[in-house]
Amino acid sequence: AGAELAANPDAQDRLVDGQTRVDEGMLERLEALLAHAEASVEMPREFTVPGADRVSAALELARAVVRRAERRVIALDREGLVPGEWLVPWLNRLADLLWVFARLVEQAGLGSTETVRTEPDAGRFPGSR
């Protein structure tokens, strides 16, 4: 996806489907991975507060970045600047997969149980002296 987004518009013809340009097969593989992950997790029945531990928080941050990229690519696509048809759905499924991975980490207890402070003491940041 990165190569497709970074490529000069004049060099789009040099991109290779499935390697440097997202194609249908890449989307199908991502969807299969998502389905497998979804089958391995108990889906929450209520609103999920992200960041139960450090690993799930990192996955949620990655998901937010992918969603931001997805919105930007949609805007570029509306301007006719995204030549491929598979990039937007691939980014969408990637964000979904990151959300499911965060739930898997939480449910499996794989993340750090160390509490993350959200308000530093007296203007000091965690880890500073």
C-alpha atoms as a PDB file:
ATOM      1  CA  ALA A   1       0.000   0.000   0.000  1.00  0.00           C
ATOM      2  CA  GLY A   2       2.862   2.360   0.787  1.00  0.00           C
ATOM      3  CA  ALA A   3       4.428   2.026  -2.646  1.00  0.00           C
ATOM      4  CA  GLU A   4       1.091   2.688  -4.310  1.00  0.00           C
ATOM      5  CA  LEU A   5       0.575   5.837  -2.262  1.00  0.00           C
ATOM      6  CA  ALA A   6       4.154   7.095  -2.655  1.00  0.00           C
ATOM      7  CA  ALA A   7       4.521   6.448  -6.374  1.00  0.00           C
ATOM      8  CA  ASN A   8       4.774   9.411  -8.686  1.00  0.00           C
ATOM      9  CA  PRO A   9       1.572   9.556 -10.768  1.00  0.00           C
ATOM     10  CA  ASP A  10       3.723   9.384 -13.892  1.00  0.00           C
ATOM     11  CA  ALA A  11       5.224   6.087 -12.661  1.00  0.00           C
ATOM     12  CA  GLN A  12       1.996   4.289 -11.725  1.00  0.00           C
ATOM     13  CA  ASP A  13       2.430   1.974 -14.715  1.00  0.00           C
ATOM     14  CA  ARG A  14       5.585   0.570 -13.085  1.00  0.00           C
ATOM     15  CA  LEU A  15       3.689  -0.740 -10.063  1.00  0.00           C
ATOM     16  CA  VAL A  16       3.170  -4.500  -9.921  1.00  0.00           C
ATOM     17  CA  ASP A  17      -0.198  -5.879  -8.824  1.00  0.00           C
ATOM     18  CA  GLY A  18       0.110  -7.862  -5.618  1.00  0.00           C
ATOM     19  CA  GLN A  19       3.560  -6.480  -4.837  1.00  0.00           C
ATOM     20  CA  THR A  20       3.703  -2.717  -5.114  1.00  0.00           C
ATOM     21  CA  ARG A  21       0.013  -2.129  -5.880  1.00  0.00           C
ATOM     22  CA  VAL A  22      -2.846  -3.561  -3.817  1.00  0.00           C
ATOM     23  CA  ASP A  23      -4.827  -6.050  -5.869  1.00  0.00           C
ATOM     24  CA  GLU A  24      -7.847  -8.254  -5.283  1.00  0.00           C
ATOM     25  CA  GLY A  25      -5.703 -11.159  -4.084  1.00  0.00           C
ATOM     26  CA  MET A  26      -4.117  -9.015  -1.378  1.00  0.00           C
ATOM     27  CA  LEU A  27      -7.562  -7.926  -0.218  1.00  0.00           C
ATOM     28  CA  GLU A  28      -8.789 -11.529  -0.189  1.00  0.00           C
ATOM     29  CA  ARG A  29      -5.784 -12.657   1.900  1.00  0.00           C
ATOM     30  CA  LEU A  30      -6.344  -9.842   4.361  1.00  0.00           C
ATOM     31  CA  GLU A  31     -10.051 -10.701   4.603  1.00  0.00           C
ATOM     32  CA  ALA A  32      -9.186 -14.366   5.233  1.00  0.00           C
ATOM     33  CA  LEU A  33      -6.798 -13.359   8.019  1.00  0.00           C
ATOM     34  CA  LEU A  34      -9.489 -11.087   9.472  1.00  0.00           C
ATOM     35  CA  ALA A  35     -12.068 -13.905   9.383  1.00  0.00           C
ATOM     36  CA  HIS A  36      -9.633 -16.270  11.106  1.00  0.00           C
ATOM     37  CA  ALA A  37      -8.842 -13.693  13.794  1.00  0.00           C
ATOM     38  CA  GLU A  38     -12.535 -12.895  14.314  1.00  0.00           C
ATOM     39  CA  ALA A  39     -13.251 -16.588  14.843  1.00  0.00           C
ATOM     40  CA  SER A  40     -10.593 -16.642  17.575  1.00  0.00           C
ATOM     41  CA  VAL A  41     -11.928 -13.756  19.636  1.00  0.00           C
ATOM     42  CA  GLU A  42     -15.045 -13.248  21.699  1.00  0.00           C
ATOM     43  CA  MET A  43     -16.567 -10.064  20.350  1.00  0.00           C
ATOM     44  CA  PRO A  44     -17.432  -7.531  23.037  1.00  0.00           C
ATOM     45  CA  ARG A  45     -21.133  -6.918  23.572  1.00  0.00           C
ATOM     46  CA  GLU A  46     -20.607  -3.369  24.805  1.00  0.00           C
ATOM     47  CA  PHE A  47     -18.546  -0.338  23.882  1.00  0.00           C
ATOM     48  CA  THR A  48     -14.837  -1.075  24.089  1.00  0.00           C
ATOM     49  CA  VAL A  49     -12.516   1.397  25.781  1.00  0.00           C
ATOM     50  CA  PRO A  50      -9.239   1.078  23.887  1.00  0.00           C
ATOM     51  CA  GLY A  51      -5.901   0.674  25.563  1.00  0.00           C
ATOM     52  CA  ALA A  52      -6.494  -1.872  28.317  1.00  0.00           C
ATOM     53  CA  ASP A  53      -2.755  -2.589  28.185  1.00  0.00           C
ATOM     54  CA  ARG A  54       0.288  -1.319  26.309  1.00  0.00           C
ATOM     55  CA  VAL A  55       0.082  -3.771  23.413  1.00  0.00           C
ATOM     56  CA  SER A  56      -3.624  -3.243  22.730  1.00  0.00           C
ATOM     57  CA  ALA A  57      -3.082   0.520  23.071  1.00  0.00           C
ATOM     58  CA  ALA A  58      -0.342   0.349  20.415  1.00  0.00           C
ATOM     59  CA  LEU A  59      -2.648  -1.651  18.142  1.00  0.00           C
ATOM     60  CA  GLU A  60      -5.424   0.903  18.652  1.00  0.00           C
ATOM     61  CA  LEU A  61      -3.011   3.714  17.812  1.00  0.00           C
ATOM     62  CA  ALA A  62      -1.990   1.881  14.626  1.00  0.00           C
ATOM     63  CA  ARG A  63      -5.674   1.432  13.800  1.00  0.00           C
ATOM     64  CA  ALA A  64      -6.296   5.177  14.211  1.00  0.00           C
ATOM     65  CA  VAL A  65      -3.391   5.957  11.872  1.00  0.00           C
ATOM     66  CA  VAL A  66      -4.730   3.513   9.263  1.00  0.00           C
ATOM     67  CA  ARG A  67      -8.232   5.048   9.526  1.00  0.00           C
ATOM     68  CA  ARG A  68      -6.704   8.501   8.992  1.00  0.00           C
ATOM     69  CA  ALA A  69      -4.860   7.192   5.933  1.00  0.00           C
ATOM     70  CA  GLU A  70      -8.081   5.611   4.687  1.00  0.00           C
ATOM     71  CA  ARG A  71      -9.923   8.943   4.922  1.00  0.00           C
ATOM     72  CA  ARG A  72      -7.105  10.706   3.064  1.00  0.00           C
ATOM     73  CA  VAL A  73      -7.022   8.056   0.332  1.00  0.00           C
ATOM     74  CA  ILE A  74     -10.800   8.385  -0.087  1.00  0.00           C
ATOM     75  CA  ALA A  75     -10.337  12.141  -0.567  1.00  0.00           C
ATOM     76  CA  LEU A  76      -7.570  11.505  -3.102  1.00  0.00           C
ATOM     77  CA  ASP A  77      -9.733   8.931  -4.858  1.00  0.00           C
ATOM     78  CA  ARG A  78     -12.542  11.482  -5.245  1.00  0.00           C
ATOM     79  CA  GLU A  79     -10.016  13.674  -7.067  1.00  0.00           C
ATOM     80  CA  GLY A  80      -9.066  10.775  -9.343  1.00  0.00           C
ATOM     81  CA  LEU A  81      -5.595  10.461  -7.837  1.00  0.00           C
ATOM     82  CA  VAL A  82      -5.791   6.807  -6.735  1.00  0.00           C
ATOM     83  CA  PRO A  83      -5.545   4.582  -9.801  1.00  0.00           C
ATOM     84  CA  GLY A  84      -6.239   1.252  -8.110  1.00  0.00           C
ATOM     85  CA  GLU A  85      -9.638   0.105  -6.911  1.00  0.00           C
ATOM     86  CA  TRP A  86      -8.438  -2.122  -4.065  1.00  0.00           C
ATOM     87  CA  LEU A  87      -6.500   0.284  -1.848  1.00  0.00           C
ATOM     88  CA  VAL A  88      -9.458   1.796   0.024  1.00  0.00           C
ATOM     89  CA  PRO A  89     -11.107  -1.535   0.918  1.00  0.00           C
ATOM     90  CA  TRP A  90      -7.667  -2.957   1.867  1.00  0.00           C
ATOM     91  CA  LEU A  91      -7.021  -0.082   4.291  1.00  0.00           C
ATOM     92  CA  ASN A  92     -10.517  -0.530   5.714  1.00  0.00           C
ATOM     93  CA  ARG A  93      -9.974  -4.247   6.387  1.00  0.00           C
ATOM     94  CA  LEU A  94      -6.507  -3.568   7.800  1.00  0.00           C
ATOM     95  CA  ALA A  95      -8.018  -1.204  10.377  1.00  0.00           C
ATOM     96  CA  ASP A  96     -10.647  -3.842  11.209  1.00  0.00           C
ATOM     97  CA  LEU A  97      -7.904  -6.445  11.650  1.00  0.00           C
ATOM     98  CA  LEU A  98      -5.948  -4.199  14.006  1.00  0.00           C
ATOM     99  CA  TRP A  99      -9.092  -3.742  16.133  1.00  0.00           C
ATOM    100  CA  VAL A 100      -9.605  -7.517  16.308  1.00  0.00           C
ATOM    101  CA  PHE A 101      -5.918  -8.063  17.152  1.00  0.00           C
ATOM    102  CA  ALA A 102      -6.257  -5.584  20.033  1.00  0.00           C
ATOM    103  CA  ARG A 103      -9.213  -7.584  21.394  1.00  0.00           C
ATOM    104  CA  LEU A 104      -7.242 -10.832  21.002  1.00  0.00           C
ATOM    105  CA  VAL A 105      -4.306  -9.409  22.949  1.00  0.00           C
ATOM    106  CA  GLU A 106      -6.594  -8.209  25.730  1.00  0.00           C
ATOM    107  CA  GLN A 107      -8.487 -11.488  25.973  1.00  0.00           C
ATOM    108  CA  ALA A 108      -5.355 -13.612  25.881  1.00  0.00           C
ATOM    109  CA  GLY A 109      -3.610 -11.441  28.468  1.00  0.00           C
ATOM    110  CA  LEU A 110      -0.635 -10.974  26.140  1.00  0.00           C
ATOM    111  CA  GLY A 111      -0.187  -7.262  26.792  1.00  0.00           C
ATOM    112  CA  SER A 112       1.756  -5.624  29.563  1.00  0.00           C
ATOM    113  CA  THR A 113      -0.221  -5.287  32.766  1.00  0.00           C
ATOM    114  CA  GLU A 114       1.821  -2.246  33.771  1.00  0.00           C
ATOM    115  CA  THR A 115      -0.411   0.750  34.346  1.00  0.00           C
ATOM    116  CA  VAL A 116       0.179   3.687  32.042  1.00  0.00           C
ATOM    117  CA  ARG A 117      -0.119   7.082  33.764  1.00  0.00           C
ATOM    118  CA  THR A 118      -2.137   9.611  31.815  1.00  0.00           C
ATOM    119  CA  GLU A 119      -1.257  12.633  33.973  1.00  0.00           C
ATOM    120  CA  PRO A 120       2.412  13.177  34.825  1.00  0.00           C
ATOM    121  CA  ASP A 121       3.250  14.261  38.366  1.00  0.00           C
ATOM    122  CA  ALA A 122       4.030  17.983  38.685  1.00  0.00           C
ATOM    123  CA  GLY A 123       4.766  18.424  34.990  1.00  0.00           C
ATOM    124  CA  ARG A 124       7.165  15.469  34.821  1.00  0.00           C
ATOM    125  CA  PHE A 125       6.773  12.812  32.183  1.00  0.00           C
ATOM    126  CA  PRO A 126       6.861   9.083  32.993  1.00  0.00           C
ATOM    127  CA  GLY A 127      10.447   7.906  33.038  1.00  0.00           C
ATOM    128  CA  SER A 128      11.922  11.393  33.444  1.00  0.00           C
ATOM    129  CA  ARG A 129      14.047  12.323  36.445  1.00  0.00           C
END
